[in-house]
Amino acid sequence: TTADYEWYDESTNPQFTDIDNPKVPNLEKIYCSTLTLWSPHTQGFKSYALARMHTDKKTFLVDYIYDYAYHLTGQTGEADMTGTSYRLPNSWILDAVNMSTKAGFQWIVTSPALDRGFTYNSEFNWDDSRFGKSVRRKVVAMDGSRAILADTNNSTEDFEPRVKADPFHVFGMKK
């Protein structure tokens, strides 16, 4: 009830629903890759960012779309990859985190101005011990009951990897 905002997903499938706290403002979702509930990748194969938009939703969805292509080389072979996505200018990004498996990390996909490191909740690809684990921003100080979180723009330094997933641990809340 003291959050500044929340992520709420309106699902098109009644078997996968989210809970909306009416006392907390919802973040505006501009684009999502699913029609149900979005959640971070369980093995941590992605990077995530919070951004403040500098245009309206309609303009963004039209003017910031792009097609990409790259050649993927991995342990099991090679493939040409293509897709469509949206570009987000670095100047719009408030905070970012790079994630990977610990053993599989190869490079940072964000600008070093946004994040110079990475964190992880899986030791390796298909690590079954990842379930029930999370990454948690380090608390560097307390201002009364308000937690001051680490933010050096280096996820290796700012996050605790592979900690027990416990939403009540954050900010000293009691169950």
N, C-alpha and C. Protein backbone atom coordinates (compact mmCIF):
# COMPACT_ATOMS: atom_id res chain seq x y z
N THR A 1 0.81 -1.21 0.00
CA THR A 1 0.00 0.00 0.00
C THR A 1 0.85 1.26 0.00
N THR A 2 2.16 1.14 0.18
CA THR A 2 3.01 2.32 0.15
C THR A 2 3.82 2.40 -1.13
N ALA A 3 3.53 1.54 -2.11
CA ALA A 3 4.28 1.55 -3.36
C ALA A 3 3.93 2.80 -4.17
N ASP A 4 4.90 3.27 -4.94
CA ASP A 4 4.66 4.40 -5.82
C ASP A 4 3.90 3.98 -7.07
N TYR A 5 4.07 2.72 -7.49
CA TYR A 5 3.41 2.18 -8.67
C TYR A 5 3.49 0.66 -8.62
N GLU A 6 2.72 0.01 -9.51
CA GLU A 6 2.78 -1.44 -9.63
C GLU A 6 2.66 -1.83 -11.09
N TRP A 7 3.14 -3.04 -11.40
CA TRP A 7 2.96 -3.63 -12.72
C TRP A 7 1.71 -4.48 -12.63
N TYR A 8 0.73 -4.18 -13.45
CA TYR A 8 -0.50 -4.95 -13.47
C TYR A 8 -0.77 -5.39 -14.90
N ASP A 9 -1.08 -6.67 -15.08
CA ASP A 9 -1.40 -7.23 -16.38
C ASP A 9 -2.87 -7.55 -16.47
N GLU A 10 -3.55 -7.00 -17.46
CA GLU A 10 -4.91 -7.41 -17.77
C GLU A 10 -4.81 -8.58 -18.71
N SER A 11 -5.17 -9.75 -18.24
CA SER A 11 -5.04 -10.97 -19.01
C SER A 11 -6.28 -11.22 -19.85
N THR A 12 -6.08 -11.81 -21.04
CA THR A 12 -7.22 -12.21 -21.87
C THR A 12 -7.64 -13.65 -21.56
N ASN A 13 -6.94 -14.30 -20.63
CA ASN A 13 -7.23 -15.68 -20.27
C ASN A 13 -7.62 -15.73 -18.79
N PRO A 14 -8.86 -16.11 -18.47
CA PRO A 14 -9.31 -16.12 -17.07
C PRO A 14 -8.54 -17.12 -16.18
N GLN A 15 -7.79 -18.05 -16.78
CA GLN A 15 -6.99 -18.98 -15.98
C GLN A 15 -5.68 -18.36 -15.51
N PHE A 16 -5.30 -17.23 -16.10
CA PHE A 16 -4.06 -16.54 -15.73
C PHE A 16 -4.39 -15.08 -15.45
N THR A 17 -4.69 -14.77 -14.22
CA THR A 17 -5.09 -13.40 -13.88
C THR A 17 -4.11 -12.79 -12.89
N ASP A 18 -4.09 -11.49 -12.88
CA ASP A 18 -3.26 -10.71 -11.98
C ASP A 18 -4.17 -10.05 -10.95
N ILE A 19 -3.60 -9.55 -9.87
CA ILE A 19 -4.36 -8.84 -8.84
C ILE A 19 -3.98 -7.37 -8.92
N ASP A 20 -4.97 -6.52 -9.05
CA ASP A 20 -4.76 -5.08 -9.15
C ASP A 20 -5.06 -4.45 -7.80
N ASN A 21 -4.07 -3.74 -7.26
CA ASN A 21 -4.29 -3.00 -6.02
C ASN A 21 -4.83 -1.62 -6.39
N PRO A 22 -6.08 -1.33 -6.10
CA PRO A 22 -6.67 -0.06 -6.52
C PRO A 22 -6.06 1.15 -5.81
N LYS A 23 -5.29 0.94 -4.75
CA LYS A 23 -4.67 2.05 -4.02
C LYS A 23 -3.31 2.45 -4.59
N VAL A 24 -2.84 1.70 -5.61
CA VAL A 24 -1.52 1.96 -6.18
C VAL A 24 -1.66 2.21 -7.68
N PRO A 25 -1.07 3.28 -8.20
CA PRO A 25 -1.16 3.54 -9.64
C PRO A 25 -0.46 2.44 -10.45
N ASN A 26 -1.06 2.07 -11.57
CA ASN A 26 -0.47 1.07 -12.46
C ASN A 26 0.47 1.74 -13.45
N LEU A 27 1.60 1.07 -13.73
CA LEU A 27 2.48 1.51 -14.80
C LEU A 27 1.72 1.35 -16.11
N GLU A 28 2.00 2.20 -17.07
CA GLU A 28 1.37 2.05 -18.38
C GLU A 28 2.19 1.07 -19.20
N LYS A 29 1.53 0.03 -19.68
CA LYS A 29 2.19 -0.95 -20.53
C LYS A 29 2.03 -0.50 -21.97
N ILE A 30 3.15 -0.26 -22.63
CA ILE A 30 3.14 0.20 -24.01
C ILE A 30 3.08 -0.98 -24.98
N TYR A 31 3.82 -2.01 -24.67
CA TYR A 31 3.88 -3.19 -25.54
C TYR A 31 4.17 -4.41 -24.66
N CYS A 32 3.61 -5.54 -25.03
CA CYS A 32 3.91 -6.78 -24.31
C CYS A 32 3.88 -7.94 -25.30
N SER A 33 4.69 -8.94 -25.03
CA SER A 33 4.79 -10.09 -25.93
C SER A 33 3.81 -11.20 -25.58
N THR A 34 2.96 -10.99 -24.60
CA THR A 34 2.01 -12.03 -24.20
C THR A 34 0.63 -11.40 -23.97
N LEU A 35 -0.41 -12.20 -24.14
CA LEU A 35 -1.77 -11.74 -23.87
C LEU A 35 -2.25 -12.12 -22.47
N THR A 36 -1.38 -12.78 -21.70
CA THR A 36 -1.75 -13.14 -20.33
C THR A 36 -0.85 -12.37 -19.37
N LEU A 37 -0.13 -13.06 -18.51
CA LEU A 37 0.73 -12.41 -17.53
C LEU A 37 2.17 -12.43 -18.00
N TRP A 38 2.81 -11.29 -17.97
CA TRP A 38 4.23 -11.20 -18.30
C TRP A 38 5.03 -11.46 -17.04
N SER A 39 6.12 -12.20 -17.18
CA SER A 39 7.04 -12.37 -16.06
C SER A 39 8.46 -12.45 -16.61
N PRO A 40 9.44 -12.12 -15.80
CA PRO A 40 10.83 -12.23 -16.26
C PRO A 40 11.18 -13.67 -16.63
N HIS A 41 12.14 -13.83 -17.49
CA HIS A 41 12.60 -15.15 -17.93
C HIS A 41 13.15 -15.91 -16.73
N THR A 42 12.75 -17.16 -16.53
CA THR A 42 13.16 -17.91 -15.33
C THR A 42 14.64 -18.23 -15.28
N GLN A 43 15.31 -18.22 -16.42
CA GLN A 43 16.75 -18.48 -16.42
C GLN A 43 17.57 -17.20 -16.51
N GLY A 44 16.89 -16.06 -16.64
CA GLY A 44 17.59 -14.80 -16.67
C GLY A 44 18.28 -14.49 -17.97
N PHE A 45 17.67 -14.85 -19.09
CA PHE A 45 18.31 -14.64 -20.39
C PHE A 45 18.05 -13.24 -20.96
N LYS A 46 17.55 -12.33 -20.21
CA LYS A 46 17.11 -11.04 -20.75
C LYS A 46 17.74 -9.88 -19.98
N SER A 47 17.59 -8.70 -20.55
CA SER A 47 17.89 -7.45 -19.86
C SER A 47 16.58 -6.69 -19.72
N TYR A 48 16.46 -5.92 -18.65
CA TYR A 48 15.22 -5.21 -18.37
C TYR A 48 15.53 -3.76 -18.05
N ALA A 49 14.59 -2.89 -18.39
CA ALA A 49 14.78 -1.46 -18.13
C ALA A 49 13.45 -0.82 -17.75
N LEU A 50 13.54 0.17 -16.89
CA LEU A 50 12.41 1.05 -16.61
C LEU A 50 12.67 2.33 -17.39
N ALA A 51 11.65 2.83 -18.07
CA ALA A 51 11.85 4.02 -18.91
C ALA A 51 10.72 5.02 -18.68
N ARG A 52 11.04 6.26 -18.93
CA ARG A 52 10.04 7.32 -18.97
C ARG A 52 9.89 7.69 -20.44
N MET A 53 8.69 7.49 -20.95
CA MET A 53 8.44 7.73 -22.36
C MET A 53 8.48 9.22 -22.67
N HIS A 54 8.99 9.55 -23.86
CA HIS A 54 9.08 10.94 -24.30
C HIS A 54 8.20 11.18 -25.52
N THR A 55 7.24 10.30 -25.71
CA THR A 55 6.26 10.44 -26.79
C THR A 55 5.01 9.69 -26.35
N ASP A 56 3.94 9.85 -27.09
CA ASP A 56 2.73 9.13 -26.75
C ASP A 56 2.82 7.69 -27.26
N LYS A 57 1.95 6.84 -26.74
CA LYS A 57 1.97 5.40 -27.05
C LYS A 57 1.83 5.14 -28.55
N LYS A 58 0.89 5.80 -29.21
CA LYS A 58 0.64 5.56 -30.64
C LYS A 58 1.88 5.91 -31.46
N THR A 59 2.49 7.04 -31.19
CA THR A 59 3.69 7.45 -31.92
C THR A 59 4.82 6.46 -31.69
N PHE A 60 5.00 6.04 -30.45
CA PHE A 60 6.06 5.07 -30.15
C PHE A 60 5.87 3.79 -30.94
N LEU A 61 4.67 3.24 -30.94
CA LEU A 61 4.42 1.97 -31.60
C LEU A 61 4.57 2.05 -33.12
N VAL A 62 4.46 3.23 -33.69
CA VAL A 62 4.64 3.41 -35.14
C VAL A 62 6.08 3.80 -35.48
N ASP A 63 6.64 4.77 -34.76
CA ASP A 63 7.93 5.36 -35.14
C ASP A 63 9.16 4.66 -34.57
N TYR A 64 8.99 3.79 -33.58
CA TYR A 64 10.17 3.19 -32.93
C TYR A 64 10.30 1.69 -33.18
N ILE A 65 9.54 1.17 -34.12
CA ILE A 65 9.63 -0.25 -34.46
C ILE A 65 10.79 -0.44 -35.45
N TYR A 66 11.45 -1.57 -35.37
CA TYR A 66 12.50 -1.88 -36.34
C TYR A 66 12.64 -3.38 -36.52
N ASP A 67 13.17 -3.75 -37.68
CA ASP A 67 13.47 -5.15 -37.98
C ASP A 67 14.95 -5.38 -37.74
N TYR A 68 15.29 -6.51 -37.17
CA TYR A 68 16.70 -6.80 -36.90
C TYR A 68 17.07 -8.16 -37.49
N ALA A 69 18.38 -8.32 -37.71
CA ALA A 69 18.92 -9.58 -38.20
C ALA A 69 20.32 -9.74 -37.64
N TYR A 70 20.64 -10.96 -37.24
CA TYR A 70 22.00 -11.26 -36.78
C TYR A 70 22.28 -12.74 -36.98
N HIS A 71 23.55 -13.07 -36.92
CA HIS A 71 23.96 -14.46 -37.06
C HIS A 71 24.34 -14.99 -35.69
N LEU A 72 23.62 -16.00 -35.21
CA LEU A 72 23.86 -16.59 -33.89
C LEU A 72 24.80 -17.78 -34.03
N THR A 73 25.85 -17.77 -33.23
CA THR A 73 26.79 -18.89 -33.19
C THR A 73 26.82 -19.41 -31.77
N GLY A 74 26.54 -20.68 -31.58
CA GLY A 74 26.51 -21.25 -30.24
C GLY A 74 27.13 -22.63 -30.21
N GLN A 75 27.07 -23.25 -29.05
CA GLN A 75 27.67 -24.57 -28.86
C GLN A 75 27.01 -25.64 -29.72
N THR A 76 25.73 -25.45 -30.03
CA THR A 76 25.00 -26.47 -30.78
C THR A 76 24.89 -26.16 -32.27
N GLY A 77 25.46 -25.03 -32.70
CA GLY A 77 25.42 -24.71 -34.13
C GLY A 77 25.25 -23.24 -34.39
N GLU A 78 24.86 -22.92 -35.61
CA GLU A 78 24.70 -21.55 -36.05
C GLU A 78 23.33 -21.37 -36.68
N ALA A 79 22.83 -20.13 -36.65
CA ALA A 79 21.55 -19.83 -37.28
C ALA A 79 21.46 -18.35 -37.57
N ASP A 80 20.80 -18.01 -38.67
CA ASP A 80 20.48 -16.62 -38.95
C ASP A 80 19.19 -16.29 -38.22
N MET A 81 19.21 -15.21 -37.45
CA MET A 81 18.07 -14.82 -36.63
C MET A 81 17.52 -13.50 -37.14
N THR A 82 16.19 -13.38 -37.19
CA THR A 82 15.54 -12.15 -37.57
C THR A 82 14.34 -11.93 -36.66
N GLY A 83 13.89 -10.70 -36.60
CA GLY A 83 12.73 -10.41 -35.80
C GLY A 83 12.36 -8.94 -35.88
N THR A 84 11.34 -8.58 -35.18
CA THR A 84 10.87 -7.20 -35.10
C THR A 84 10.81 -6.82 -33.63
N SER A 85 11.23 -5.62 -33.31
CA SER A 85 11.21 -5.15 -31.94
C SER A 85 11.04 -3.64 -31.92
N TYR A 86 11.18 -3.05 -30.75
CA TYR A 86 11.10 -1.61 -30.59
C TYR A 86 12.41 -1.11 -30.03
N ARG A 87 12.87 0.03 -30.53
CA ARG A 87 14.08 0.64 -29.98
C ARG A 87 13.68 1.66 -28.94
N LEU A 88 14.47 1.75 -27.92
CA LEU A 88 14.21 2.65 -26.80
C LEU A 88 15.47 3.49 -26.59
N PRO A 89 15.42 4.79 -26.83
CA PRO A 89 16.61 5.61 -26.66
C PRO A 89 17.16 5.53 -25.23
N ASN A 90 18.48 5.47 -25.12
CA ASN A 90 19.11 5.40 -23.79
C ASN A 90 18.68 6.55 -22.90
N SER A 91 18.45 7.72 -23.46
CA SER A 91 18.09 8.89 -22.64
C SER A 91 16.73 8.72 -21.96
N TRP A 92 15.91 7.79 -22.41
CA TRP A 92 14.61 7.55 -21.79
C TRP A 92 14.72 6.59 -20.60
N ILE A 93 15.79 5.84 -20.51
CA ILE A 93 15.90 4.76 -19.53
C ILE A 93 16.30 5.31 -18.17
N LEU A 94 15.50 4.97 -17.16
CA LEU A 94 15.76 5.39 -15.78
C LEU A 94 16.69 4.41 -15.07
N ASP A 95 16.54 3.11 -15.37
CA ASP A 95 17.38 2.10 -14.74
C ASP A 95 17.30 0.83 -15.59
N ALA A 96 18.40 0.07 -15.58
CA ALA A 96 18.46 -1.15 -16.37
C ALA A 96 19.21 -2.22 -15.60
N VAL A 97 18.90 -3.47 -15.91
CA VAL A 97 19.62 -4.61 -15.33
C VAL A 97 19.85 -5.64 -16.44
N ASN A 98 21.08 -6.12 -16.55
CA ASN A 98 21.42 -7.20 -17.47
C ASN A 98 21.44 -8.50 -16.69
N MET A 99 20.85 -9.54 -17.28
CA MET A 99 20.85 -10.85 -16.64
C MET A 99 21.33 -11.91 -17.62
N SER A 100 21.83 -13.00 -17.06
CA SER A 100 22.30 -14.13 -17.84
C SER A 100 22.36 -15.32 -16.88
N THR A 101 22.69 -16.49 -17.40
CA THR A 101 23.12 -17.54 -16.49
C THR A 101 24.57 -17.20 -16.13
N LYS A 102 25.03 -17.63 -14.98
CA LYS A 102 26.40 -17.31 -14.57
C LYS A 102 27.42 -17.90 -15.55
N ALA A 103 27.24 -19.17 -15.91
CA ALA A 103 28.19 -19.84 -16.80
C ALA A 103 28.06 -19.37 -18.25
N GLY A 104 26.88 -18.89 -18.64
CA GLY A 104 26.66 -18.54 -20.03
C GLY A 104 26.88 -17.09 -20.38
N PHE A 105 27.22 -16.26 -19.39
CA PHE A 105 27.39 -14.83 -19.68
C PHE A 105 28.48 -14.60 -20.71
N GLN A 106 28.15 -13.74 -21.70
CA GLN A 106 29.14 -13.41 -22.74
C GLN A 106 29.36 -11.92 -22.89
N TRP A 107 28.29 -11.12 -22.90
CA TRP A 107 28.49 -9.69 -23.09
C TRP A 107 27.29 -8.91 -22.56
N ILE A 108 27.52 -7.64 -22.31
CA ILE A 108 26.48 -6.72 -21.87
C ILE A 108 25.73 -6.22 -23.11
N VAL A 109 24.41 -6.25 -23.07
CA VAL A 109 23.63 -5.83 -24.24
C VAL A 109 23.15 -4.38 -24.13
N THR A 110 23.28 -3.77 -22.97
CA THR A 110 22.92 -2.36 -22.83
C THR A 110 24.17 -1.50 -22.95
N SER A 111 23.95 -0.22 -23.11
CA SER A 111 25.06 0.73 -23.08
C SER A 111 25.71 0.66 -21.70
N PRO A 112 27.04 0.76 -21.61
CA PRO A 112 27.70 0.78 -20.30
C PRO A 112 27.25 1.96 -19.43
N ALA A 113 26.71 3.00 -20.05
CA ALA A 113 26.18 4.13 -19.28
C ALA A 113 24.94 3.72 -18.48
N LEU A 114 24.27 2.66 -18.93
CA LEU A 114 23.07 2.17 -18.25
C LEU A 114 23.37 1.05 -17.27
N ASP A 115 24.27 0.14 -17.65
CA ASP A 115 24.63 -0.98 -16.78
C ASP A 115 25.97 -1.55 -17.26
N ARG A 116 26.91 -1.67 -16.34
CA ARG A 116 28.25 -2.17 -16.67
C ARG A 116 28.48 -3.60 -16.20
N GLY A 117 27.45 -4.27 -15.68
CA GLY A 117 27.63 -5.63 -15.18
C GLY A 117 26.41 -6.47 -15.47
N PHE A 118 26.32 -7.62 -14.80
CA PHE A 118 25.15 -8.49 -14.94
C PHE A 118 24.94 -9.22 -13.62
N THR A 119 23.74 -9.76 -13.48
CA THR A 119 23.42 -10.60 -12.33
C THR A 119 22.73 -11.85 -12.84
N TYR A 120 22.48 -12.80 -11.95
CA TYR A 120 21.97 -14.09 -12.40
C TYR A 120 21.18 -14.77 -11.28
N ASN A 121 20.25 -15.66 -11.69
CA ASN A 121 19.59 -16.54 -10.73
C ASN A 121 19.77 -18.00 -11.11
N SER A 122 20.42 -18.26 -12.25
CA SER A 122 20.74 -19.61 -12.68
C SER A 122 22.25 -19.74 -12.83
N GLU A 123 22.80 -20.83 -12.33
CA GLU A 123 24.23 -21.06 -12.50
C GLU A 123 24.57 -21.41 -13.94
N PHE A 124 23.67 -22.16 -14.61
CA PHE A 124 23.92 -22.62 -15.97
C PHE A 124 22.57 -22.84 -16.64
N ASN A 125 22.57 -23.07 -17.95
CA ASN A 125 21.36 -23.30 -18.72
C ASN A 125 20.61 -24.53 -18.18
N TRP A 126 19.32 -24.39 -17.96
CA TRP A 126 18.43 -25.43 -17.45
C TRP A 126 18.77 -25.85 -16.02
N ASP A 127 19.31 -24.97 -15.24
CA ASP A 127 19.64 -25.20 -13.84
C ASP A 127 18.35 -25.32 -13.03
N ASP A 128 17.99 -26.52 -12.60
CA ASP A 128 16.75 -26.71 -11.85
C ASP A 128 16.76 -26.02 -10.49
N SER A 129 17.92 -25.67 -9.97
CA SER A 129 17.97 -25.01 -8.67
C SER A 129 17.58 -23.53 -8.76
N ARG A 130 17.27 -23.03 -9.97
CA ARG A 130 16.88 -21.62 -10.14
C ARG A 130 15.50 -21.35 -9.57
N PHE A 131 14.66 -22.37 -9.49
CA PHE A 131 13.29 -22.16 -9.02
C PHE A 131 13.30 -21.76 -7.55
N GLY A 132 12.51 -20.75 -7.23
CA GLY A 132 12.47 -20.23 -5.87
C GLY A 132 13.60 -19.25 -5.58
N LYS A 133 14.38 -18.92 -6.61
CA LYS A 133 15.49 -17.98 -6.45
C LYS A 133 15.13 -16.67 -7.16
N SER A 134 15.81 -15.62 -6.76
CA SER A 134 15.59 -14.32 -7.38
C SER A 134 16.89 -13.53 -7.34
N VAL A 135 16.87 -12.39 -7.97
CA VAL A 135 17.93 -11.42 -7.77
C VAL A 135 17.30 -10.29 -6.97
N ARG A 136 18.06 -9.74 -6.06
CA ARG A 136 17.51 -8.71 -5.18
C ARG A 136 18.48 -7.54 -5.12
N ARG A 137 17.94 -6.34 -5.30
CA ARG A 137 18.76 -5.13 -5.19
C ARG A 137 19.28 -5.03 -3.76
N LYS A 138 20.56 -4.72 -3.62
CA LYS A 138 21.17 -4.59 -2.30
C LYS A 138 20.66 -3.32 -1.62
N VAL A 139 20.41 -3.41 -0.33
CA VAL A 139 20.05 -2.26 0.48
C VAL A 139 21.35 -1.71 1.07
N VAL A 140 21.66 -0.45 0.78
CA VAL A 140 22.91 0.14 1.27
C VAL A 140 22.72 0.95 2.54
N ALA A 141 21.48 1.40 2.80
CA ALA A 141 21.20 2.17 4.00
C ALA A 141 19.69 2.23 4.21
N MET A 142 19.32 2.64 5.39
CA MET A 142 17.91 2.86 5.71
C MET A 142 17.74 4.31 6.11
N ASP A 143 16.67 4.93 5.63
CA ASP A 143 16.29 6.28 6.03
C ASP A 143 14.95 6.12 6.73
N GLY A 144 15.02 5.87 8.04
CA GLY A 144 13.81 5.50 8.77
C GLY A 144 13.36 4.13 8.29
N SER A 145 12.15 4.04 7.77
CA SER A 145 11.66 2.76 7.24
C SER A 145 11.87 2.65 5.72
N ARG A 146 12.48 3.67 5.12
CA ARG A 146 12.71 3.67 3.67
C ARG A 146 14.08 3.09 3.35
N ALA A 147 14.10 2.07 2.49
CA ALA A 147 15.36 1.44 2.09
C ALA A 147 16.00 2.25 0.98
N ILE A 148 17.30 2.48 1.10
CA ILE A 148 18.09 3.13 0.05
C ILE A 148 18.80 1.99 -0.69
N LEU A 149 18.49 1.82 -1.96
CA LEU A 149 18.98 0.69 -2.74
C LEU A 149 20.26 1.06 -3.49
N ALA A 150 21.12 0.07 -3.66
CA ALA A 150 22.36 0.25 -4.42
C ALA A 150 22.01 0.59 -5.86
N ASP A 151 22.71 1.56 -6.43
CA ASP A 151 22.48 1.92 -7.83
C ASP A 151 23.74 2.56 -8.39
N THR A 152 24.73 1.72 -8.68
CA THR A 152 25.99 2.19 -9.27
C THR A 152 26.00 2.01 -10.79
N ASN A 153 24.88 1.57 -11.35
CA ASN A 153 24.78 1.20 -12.77
C ASN A 153 25.72 0.04 -13.10
N ASN A 154 25.88 -0.85 -12.14
CA ASN A 154 26.63 -2.09 -12.35
C ASN A 154 25.87 -3.20 -11.62
N SER A 155 25.12 -3.99 -12.38
CA SER A 155 24.27 -5.03 -11.77
C SER A 155 25.06 -6.07 -10.99
N THR A 156 26.33 -6.27 -11.34
CA THR A 156 27.16 -7.21 -10.58
C THR A 156 27.33 -6.71 -9.14
N GLU A 157 27.46 -5.41 -8.96
CA GLU A 157 27.64 -4.82 -7.64
C GLU A 157 26.32 -4.51 -6.94
N ASP A 158 25.28 -4.19 -7.71
CA ASP A 158 24.02 -3.69 -7.14
C ASP A 158 23.04 -4.77 -6.72
N PHE A 159 23.22 -6.01 -7.19
CA PHE A 159 22.25 -7.07 -6.91
C PHE A 159 22.89 -8.24 -6.18
N GLU A 160 22.08 -8.89 -5.34
CA GLU A 160 22.46 -10.16 -4.74
C GLU A 160 21.90 -11.25 -5.66
N PRO A 161 22.77 -12.09 -6.24
CA PRO A 161 22.26 -13.15 -7.12
C PRO A 161 21.76 -14.35 -6.31
N ARG A 162 20.82 -15.08 -6.89
CA ARG A 162 20.36 -16.38 -6.38
C ARG A 162 19.90 -16.36 -4.92
N VAL A 163 19.20 -15.32 -4.52
CA VAL A 163 18.66 -15.29 -3.16
C VAL A 163 17.26 -15.90 -3.17
N LYS A 164 16.85 -16.41 -2.03
CA LYS A 164 15.52 -17.00 -1.92
C LYS A 164 14.47 -15.97 -2.29
N ALA A 165 13.56 -16.34 -3.18
CA ALA A 165 12.48 -15.44 -3.58
C ALA A 165 11.55 -15.24 -2.40
N ASP A 166 11.48 -14.04 -1.89
CA ASP A 166 10.67 -13.73 -0.71
C ASP A 166 10.27 -12.26 -0.78
N PRO A 167 9.08 -11.97 -1.32
CA PRO A 167 8.69 -10.56 -1.48
C PRO A 167 8.58 -9.82 -0.15
N PHE A 168 8.40 -10.51 0.95
CA PHE A 168 8.26 -9.84 2.23
C PHE A 168 9.61 -9.46 2.83
N HIS A 169 10.70 -10.01 2.29
CA HIS A 169 12.03 -9.66 2.79
C HIS A 169 12.40 -8.22 2.41
N VAL A 170 11.92 -7.78 1.26
CA VAL A 170 12.28 -6.46 0.76
C VAL A 170 11.77 -5.39 1.71
N PHE A 171 12.62 -4.46 2.02
CA PHE A 171 12.29 -3.31 2.85
C PHE A 171 11.86 -3.69 4.26
N GLY A 172 12.26 -4.86 4.73
CA GLY A 172 12.00 -5.24 6.12
C GLY A 172 10.55 -5.50 6.43
N MET A 173 9.71 -5.80 5.46
CA MET A 173 8.29 -6.06 5.73
C MET A 173 8.15 -7.37 6.48
N LYS A 174 7.14 -7.47 7.28
CA LYS A 174 6.84 -8.68 8.04
C LYS A 174 5.74 -9.45 7.34
N LYS A 175 5.82 -10.78 7.41
CA LYS A 175 4.77 -11.62 6.81
C LYS A 175 3.53 -11.57 7.68
